[in-house]
Each structure stands twice: as C-alpha cells, then as structure tokens.
Amino acid sequence: MDNKKYIDIDEQKKIQLEMLKEIRDICDEAGLMYFLGGGTLLGAVRHKGYIPWDDDIDLMMPREDYNKLLKIFNEKCNGKSKLLYYGNLKEYYYPYAKVVNTETRLVELDCRNLDEMGVFIDIFPIDFLPEDDKKIKKIFNKFKFLYRIIATYQLKNLESVTTNKFKLILKKITLPILETFKVHTRLLKKIDNVISKYKNTSKVACVTGKYLEKEIMPSSYISSYVLLDFEDDKYKSPVGYDEYLTKHYGNYMQLPPKEKQISEHNSVVYWR
C-alpha cells in the first residue's frame, strides 16, 4: 500500500518560494550576484510570478559568484535546503546546480533516480565567451557532445534519445562503463573546464541552459540588475531582460497557444 503523502503543485510552489528567499538572502549577505532566468524571468515580467502552467524556478549567476555559492550555501542554509552538484554528490548528472528541499522527495519519471532529489530550484552558471564566433561554436559543440554521453547515463529510456538501432546498441554497451567508473562526473568537470575559460569579454551565455546558442547575449545585459516582482517579493533580474526575453521567446508578452500551456516536467513529489 502506498502511504506516501504527495505534494501538489501549489504546495511545491510554496516550498520553492521559501528556498528562493533563502538563496536571495545568502547571495545578498555574501555579495553574490544572481538573476531570475528563463521561464522564471518571463513569469516575473509577464505575470509578476509563476507562468500559470509552470512549476519551477530558474536562477542564473556569473561563474565567479556561482562557484562561491557552491562552497558556502550548505554552511549558510537553514538545514531544510541543500545545494547539490557533481562535486558533492557522485550520482549527480546535471551540468548545473540545484538547491533542493531535504524534507521532500522528487522522482523524475524519465530519469535515473537521485535519492537526495527534492523540490528544487535550478541555478545555471553564466560564462564569458570568446569574441570569435567560430570559437563560440566549438564551445557549444563540445558541450553538446559531452552532454549527449551524460544523457546515456541520465535517462531511464535510451529510446527517448535516439531510434537509430546502431546508436542504441552502442549506448547500451557504453552504459555499464559509465555506471561502473562514474564517467559522468569526469565529463561534468570537463564541461566546466571547457565553458569557463574566458574572462571579461563582451559576450556571455548560460551554456548549460536548455536554449543553447539562444543563451548567447552581450555581457552588458548582466552588467547591472533591476528588481522585478515575483509572487510576493522582488528579485534581481538582468538589466537587459527585455532583449534577453525577446531573443528567447520572441513576442514574449503574447501567450502561447492553449495546447502549449503545459508543464514540461514529468515527476512525482512527496514528503519524506
């Protein structure tokens, strides 16, 4: 019999908002810059909170500040939260950090289970890019190549990656190697080394973000911040948020068609 106490979307959002305030306060106290990003930034501008059919929060941080947060968060937090990344959890397979609520358990139905996963907030590093477009292309191509290998370890269903029979056989052969030697951790370190080599250039990007090359933007967009409403509080957002959102979503103030107003996540959440 299933005795789990499941957590609905509204309760998940309450938990996320508590974590968001905690992350904000820790960053502010330590002098670290953070920004609302992705759909969270879109929600702040268009809805002054969550996109109605969305259920997550995305933050982005300049690499230097991101690396500092990795070191201090678990010492500064209230104990109900924990920052996870490949450096403190060997099973971790995402190329960015997550802050999770430790009193909850979240199971991604499409992915390998992580026992420590709970209701989460994603935190993406923002990295400087070279001025040369060809070099930028190489960085993204290396990231995509390395992350495709990690996805073999991450996904429960390899058929969701490809239907090519040869590739499926190859992936099934390599999967035991990835599992035995924890190759994904080395690849995640390699990704960080590849994407964080440059400093103080005119272009930046969340290379590990879902929009890939669309993430590229002038560094002036994150040179300062504005405070935007998100639900019951205000949070830092890139000064170039209008240009950022236009590049990501086009006419971002226009709602998408009804059939696209759905959550992209496939998970169940319950109290531990």
Protein backbone atom coordinates (compact mmCIF):
# COMPACT_ATOMS: atom_id res chain seq x y z
CA MET A 1 0.00 0.00 0.00
CA ASP A 2 1.26 3.49 -0.92
CA ASN A 3 1.39 5.56 2.28
CA LYS A 4 3.24 8.47 0.70
CA LYS A 5 1.90 11.97 1.32
CA TYR A 6 2.06 13.53 -2.12
CA ILE A 7 2.69 17.24 -2.67
CA ASP A 8 0.58 19.11 -5.21
CA ILE A 9 1.78 21.94 -7.46
CA ASP A 10 0.57 24.72 -5.15
CA GLU A 11 2.46 23.25 -2.20
CA GLN A 12 5.57 22.76 -4.35
CA LYS A 13 5.48 26.44 -5.27
CA LYS A 14 5.26 27.48 -1.60
CA ILE A 15 8.35 25.37 -0.86
CA GLN A 16 10.20 26.82 -3.86
CA LEU A 17 9.39 30.39 -2.82
CA GLU A 18 10.82 29.73 0.66
CA MET A 19 14.01 28.41 -0.95
CA LEU A 20 14.15 31.34 -3.38
CA LYS A 21 14.09 33.82 -0.50
CA GLU A 22 16.80 31.85 1.29
CA ILE A 23 19.04 31.77 -1.79
CA ARG A 24 18.47 35.50 -2.30
CA ASP A 25 19.34 36.29 1.31
CA ILE A 26 22.50 34.15 1.27
CA CYS A 27 23.62 35.76 -2.00
CA ASP A 28 22.93 39.27 -0.75
CA GLU A 29 24.75 38.65 2.53
CA ALA A 30 27.79 37.24 0.70
CA GLY A 31 27.76 39.93 -2.01
CA LEU A 32 26.98 37.42 -4.78
CA MET A 33 25.02 38.36 -7.89
CA TYR A 34 22.08 36.26 -9.01
CA PHE A 35 19.35 36.84 -11.60
CA LEU A 36 15.96 35.36 -12.36
CA GLY A 37 16.34 33.46 -15.64
CA GLY A 38 14.46 31.57 -18.33
CA GLY A 39 10.77 30.97 -17.70
CA THR A 40 11.04 32.45 -14.21
CA LEU A 41 12.17 35.79 -15.64
CA LEU A 42 9.42 35.58 -18.26
CA GLY A 43 6.91 34.89 -15.49
CA ALA A 44 8.14 37.86 -13.47
CA VAL A 45 7.74 40.25 -16.42
CA ARG A 46 4.50 38.88 -17.90
CA HIS A 47 2.69 37.53 -14.81
CA LYS A 48 4.54 39.07 -11.85
CA GLY A 49 5.09 35.50 -10.67
CA TYR A 50 4.95 31.96 -11.98
CA ILE A 51 3.81 31.33 -15.51
CA PRO A 52 0.40 29.83 -14.60
CA TRP A 53 1.16 26.38 -16.06
CA ASP A 54 4.81 26.32 -14.94
CA ASP A 55 6.12 24.63 -11.81
CA ASP A 56 9.80 25.50 -11.43
CA ILE A 57 12.22 28.34 -10.72
CA ASP A 58 15.41 29.07 -12.67
CA LEU A 59 18.22 31.32 -11.48
CA MET A 60 21.48 32.23 -13.20
CA MET A 61 24.70 33.54 -11.70
CA PRO A 62 28.02 34.82 -13.09
CA ARG A 63 30.52 31.95 -12.87
CA GLU A 64 32.66 33.52 -10.15
CA ASP A 65 29.63 34.07 -7.90
CA TYR A 66 28.20 30.66 -8.80
CA ASN A 67 31.43 28.93 -7.72
CA LYS A 68 31.40 30.82 -4.42
CA LEU A 69 27.80 29.78 -3.78
CA LEU A 70 28.74 26.13 -4.34
CA LYS A 71 31.23 26.47 -1.48
CA ILE A 72 29.16 28.39 1.08
CA PHE A 73 25.50 27.50 0.60
CA ASN A 74 25.36 24.30 2.64
CA GLU A 75 27.08 26.03 5.57
CA LYS A 76 24.81 29.09 5.44
CA CYS A 77 21.41 27.49 4.76
CA ASN A 78 18.74 26.73 7.36
CA GLY A 79 19.10 22.94 7.19
CA LYS A 80 15.92 22.30 5.21
CA SER A 81 17.75 23.11 1.99
CA LYS A 82 20.82 21.62 0.36
CA LEU A 83 22.79 22.59 -2.74
CA LEU A 84 23.60 19.63 -4.97
CA TYR A 85 26.17 19.45 -7.77
CA TYR A 86 28.63 16.88 -9.07
CA GLY A 87 31.23 17.98 -6.52
CA ASN A 88 29.22 16.82 -3.50
CA LEU A 89 27.07 14.00 -4.92
CA LYS A 90 28.75 11.36 -7.07
CA GLU A 91 25.48 10.23 -8.70
CA TYR A 92 24.61 13.79 -9.78
CA TYR A 93 24.33 14.16 -13.56
CA TYR A 94 23.21 17.74 -14.28
CA PRO A 95 25.72 20.31 -15.64
CA TYR A 96 24.37 22.97 -13.26
CA ALA A 97 23.49 23.10 -9.57
CA LYS A 98 20.18 22.52 -7.82
CA VAL A 99 19.06 23.68 -4.41
CA VAL A 100 16.65 21.06 -3.04
CA ASN A 101 14.29 20.87 -0.11
CA THR A 102 15.56 17.98 2.04
CA GLU A 103 12.17 17.22 3.60
CA THR A 104 10.71 16.30 0.20
CA ARG A 105 11.43 13.58 -2.35
CA LEU A 106 11.11 14.24 -6.07
CA VAL A 107 11.23 11.38 -8.57
CA GLU A 108 11.87 12.25 -12.22
CA LEU A 109 9.90 9.61 -14.12
CA ASP A 110 12.10 9.85 -17.22
CA CYS A 111 15.46 9.93 -15.46
CA ARG A 112 17.66 7.84 -13.19
CA ASN A 113 16.59 8.38 -9.59
CA LEU A 114 18.69 10.54 -7.27
CA ASP A 115 17.89 9.71 -3.64
CA GLU A 116 18.67 13.24 -2.45
CA MET A 117 16.43 14.95 -5.01
CA GLY A 118 13.54 17.01 -3.65
CA VAL A 119 11.55 20.06 -4.68
CA PHE A 120 14.26 22.12 -6.36
CA ILE A 121 15.47 25.39 -7.85
CA ASP A 122 17.89 25.24 -10.78
CA ILE A 123 20.96 27.50 -10.73
CA PHE A 124 22.85 27.99 -14.00
CA PRO A 125 26.34 29.49 -14.32
CA ILE A 126 26.81 32.40 -16.73
CA ASP A 127 30.15 32.20 -18.52
CA PHE A 128 32.10 34.65 -20.64
CA LEU A 129 32.57 33.60 -24.27
CA PRO A 130 35.38 34.31 -26.73
CA GLU A 131 34.91 37.17 -29.18
CA ASP A 132 35.41 34.84 -32.16
CA ASP A 133 32.12 33.21 -33.31
CA LYS A 134 33.97 30.12 -34.53
CA LYS A 135 35.44 29.57 -31.07
CA ILE A 136 31.98 30.06 -29.55
CA LYS A 137 30.61 27.40 -31.90
CA LYS A 138 33.35 25.00 -30.80
CA ILE A 139 32.44 25.52 -27.13
CA PHE A 140 28.78 24.73 -27.75
CA ASN A 141 29.62 21.73 -29.93
CA LYS A 142 31.91 20.32 -27.22
CA PHE A 143 29.22 20.86 -24.60
CA LYS A 144 26.56 19.14 -26.72
CA PHE A 145 28.87 16.19 -27.45
CA LEU A 146 29.82 15.68 -23.80
CA TYR A 147 26.28 16.08 -22.54
CA ARG A 148 24.94 13.55 -25.05
CA ILE A 149 27.20 10.99 -23.38
CA ILE A 150 25.97 12.01 -19.93
CA ALA A 151 22.36 11.70 -21.14
CA THR A 152 23.01 8.00 -21.77
CA TYR A 153 23.64 7.65 -18.04
CA GLN A 154 20.88 10.06 -17.03
CA LEU A 155 17.87 8.73 -18.95
CA LYS A 156 15.90 5.64 -17.97
CA ASN A 157 14.72 5.07 -21.52
CA LEU A 158 17.51 5.16 -24.11
CA GLU A 159 14.92 5.03 -26.89
CA SER A 160 13.97 8.59 -25.95
CA VAL A 161 17.45 9.71 -27.06
CA THR A 162 17.51 8.00 -30.44
CA THR A 163 15.67 5.42 -32.55
CA ASN A 164 18.80 4.53 -34.54
CA LYS A 165 19.48 0.82 -33.82
CA PHE A 166 23.25 1.14 -34.13
CA LYS A 167 23.34 4.09 -31.74
CA LEU A 168 21.08 2.23 -29.29
CA ILE A 169 23.40 -0.80 -29.31
CA LEU A 170 26.42 1.48 -28.81
CA LYS A 171 24.71 3.31 -25.96
CA LYS A 172 23.75 0.05 -24.23
CA ILE A 173 27.36 -1.12 -24.49
CA THR A 174 28.74 2.12 -23.03
CA LEU A 175 26.16 2.44 -20.24
CA PRO A 176 27.79 -0.18 -17.93
CA ILE A 177 31.13 1.60 -18.38
CA LEU A 178 29.57 4.94 -17.45
CA GLU A 179 27.94 3.39 -14.38
CA THR A 180 30.98 1.45 -13.18
CA PHE A 181 33.55 4.21 -13.48
CA LYS A 182 31.26 7.21 -12.80
CA VAL A 183 32.45 8.71 -16.08
CA HIS A 184 29.64 11.27 -15.98
CA THR A 185 31.37 13.09 -13.09
CA ARG A 186 34.57 13.45 -15.10
CA LEU A 187 32.58 14.67 -18.09
CA LEU A 188 30.78 17.27 -15.97
CA LYS A 189 34.18 18.55 -14.77
CA LYS A 190 35.32 18.62 -18.39
CA ILE A 191 32.24 20.65 -19.36
CA ASP A 192 33.02 23.21 -16.64
CA ASN A 193 36.62 23.46 -17.85
CA VAL A 194 35.52 23.93 -21.47
CA ILE A 195 32.90 26.61 -20.85
CA SER A 196 34.62 28.68 -18.13
CA LYS A 197 37.99 29.50 -19.74
CA TYR A 198 37.30 33.14 -20.68
CA LYS A 199 37.11 36.30 -18.57
CA ASN A 200 35.71 39.79 -19.10
CA THR A 201 34.69 39.53 -22.77
CA SER A 202 31.76 41.24 -24.48
CA LYS A 203 29.65 38.07 -24.72
CA VAL A 204 28.23 35.70 -22.11
CA ALA A 205 25.88 32.73 -22.01
CA CYS A 206 24.34 30.08 -19.78
CA VAL A 207 25.93 27.42 -21.99
CA THR A 208 24.25 24.65 -19.97
CA GLY A 209 20.79 26.20 -20.39
CA LYS A 210 18.12 24.45 -22.48
CA TYR A 211 18.13 27.10 -25.22
CA LEU A 212 21.80 26.50 -26.16
CA GLU A 213 23.00 29.17 -28.66
CA LYS A 214 19.94 31.32 -27.90
CA GLU A 215 21.51 31.83 -24.48
CA ILE A 216 24.30 33.98 -26.01
CA MET A 217 23.96 37.65 -25.06
CA PRO A 218 26.09 40.78 -24.67
CA SER A 219 27.71 40.94 -21.26
CA SER A 220 26.10 44.37 -20.86
CA TYR A 221 22.76 42.58 -20.25
CA ILE A 222 24.07 41.37 -16.88
CA SER A 223 26.21 44.40 -16.05
CA SER A 224 23.57 45.51 -13.56
CA TYR A 225 20.16 44.48 -12.30
CA VAL A 226 16.61 45.66 -11.80
CA LEU A 227 14.24 44.40 -9.13
CA LEU A 228 11.14 42.69 -10.52
CA ASP A 229 8.09 41.35 -8.73
CA PHE A 230 7.83 37.58 -8.46
CA GLU A 231 4.82 36.44 -6.46
CA ASP A 232 5.08 38.11 -3.03
CA ASP A 233 8.55 39.65 -3.25
CA LYS A 234 11.10 41.33 -5.53
CA TYR A 235 14.19 39.69 -7.02
CA LYS A 236 17.18 40.72 -9.11
CA SER A 237 16.81 40.42 -12.86
CA PRO A 238 19.23 41.31 -15.69
CA VAL A 239 19.14 44.95 -16.72
CA GLY A 240 18.86 43.67 -20.30
CA TYR A 241 15.85 41.46 -19.51
CA ASP A 242 13.73 42.78 -22.42
CA GLU A 243 16.36 41.89 -25.03
CA TYR A 244 17.07 38.58 -23.27
CA LEU A 245 13.40 37.56 -23.29
CA THR A 246 12.89 38.72 -26.89
CA LYS A 247 15.76 36.50 -28.05
CA HIS A 248 14.46 33.53 -26.11
CA TYR A 249 10.73 33.83 -26.75
CA GLY A 250 10.10 36.40 -29.50
CA ASN A 251 6.96 38.42 -28.66
CA TYR A 252 7.15 37.23 -25.08
CA MET A 253 4.15 39.20 -23.79
CA GLN A 254 1.86 37.16 -26.03
CA LEU A 255 0.59 33.92 -24.51
CA PRO A 256 1.37 30.70 -26.38
CA PRO A 257 -1.49 28.61 -27.85
CA LYS A 258 -3.59 26.66 -25.30
CA GLU A 259 -2.07 23.33 -26.35
CA LYS A 260 1.39 24.59 -25.38
CA GLN A 261 0.33 25.87 -21.97
CA ILE A 262 1.55 22.75 -20.15
CA SER A 263 4.33 21.88 -17.74
CA GLU A 264 7.42 20.26 -19.27
CA HIS A 265 8.22 18.22 -16.16
CA ASN A 266 7.28 14.59 -15.58
CA SER A 267 7.75 13.86 -11.88
CA VAL A 268 6.05 12.93 -8.62
CA VAL A 269 6.75 14.65 -5.31
CA TYR A 270 6.01 13.57 -1.74
CA TRP A 271 7.11 14.25 1.83
CA ARG A 272 9.95 12.06 3.12
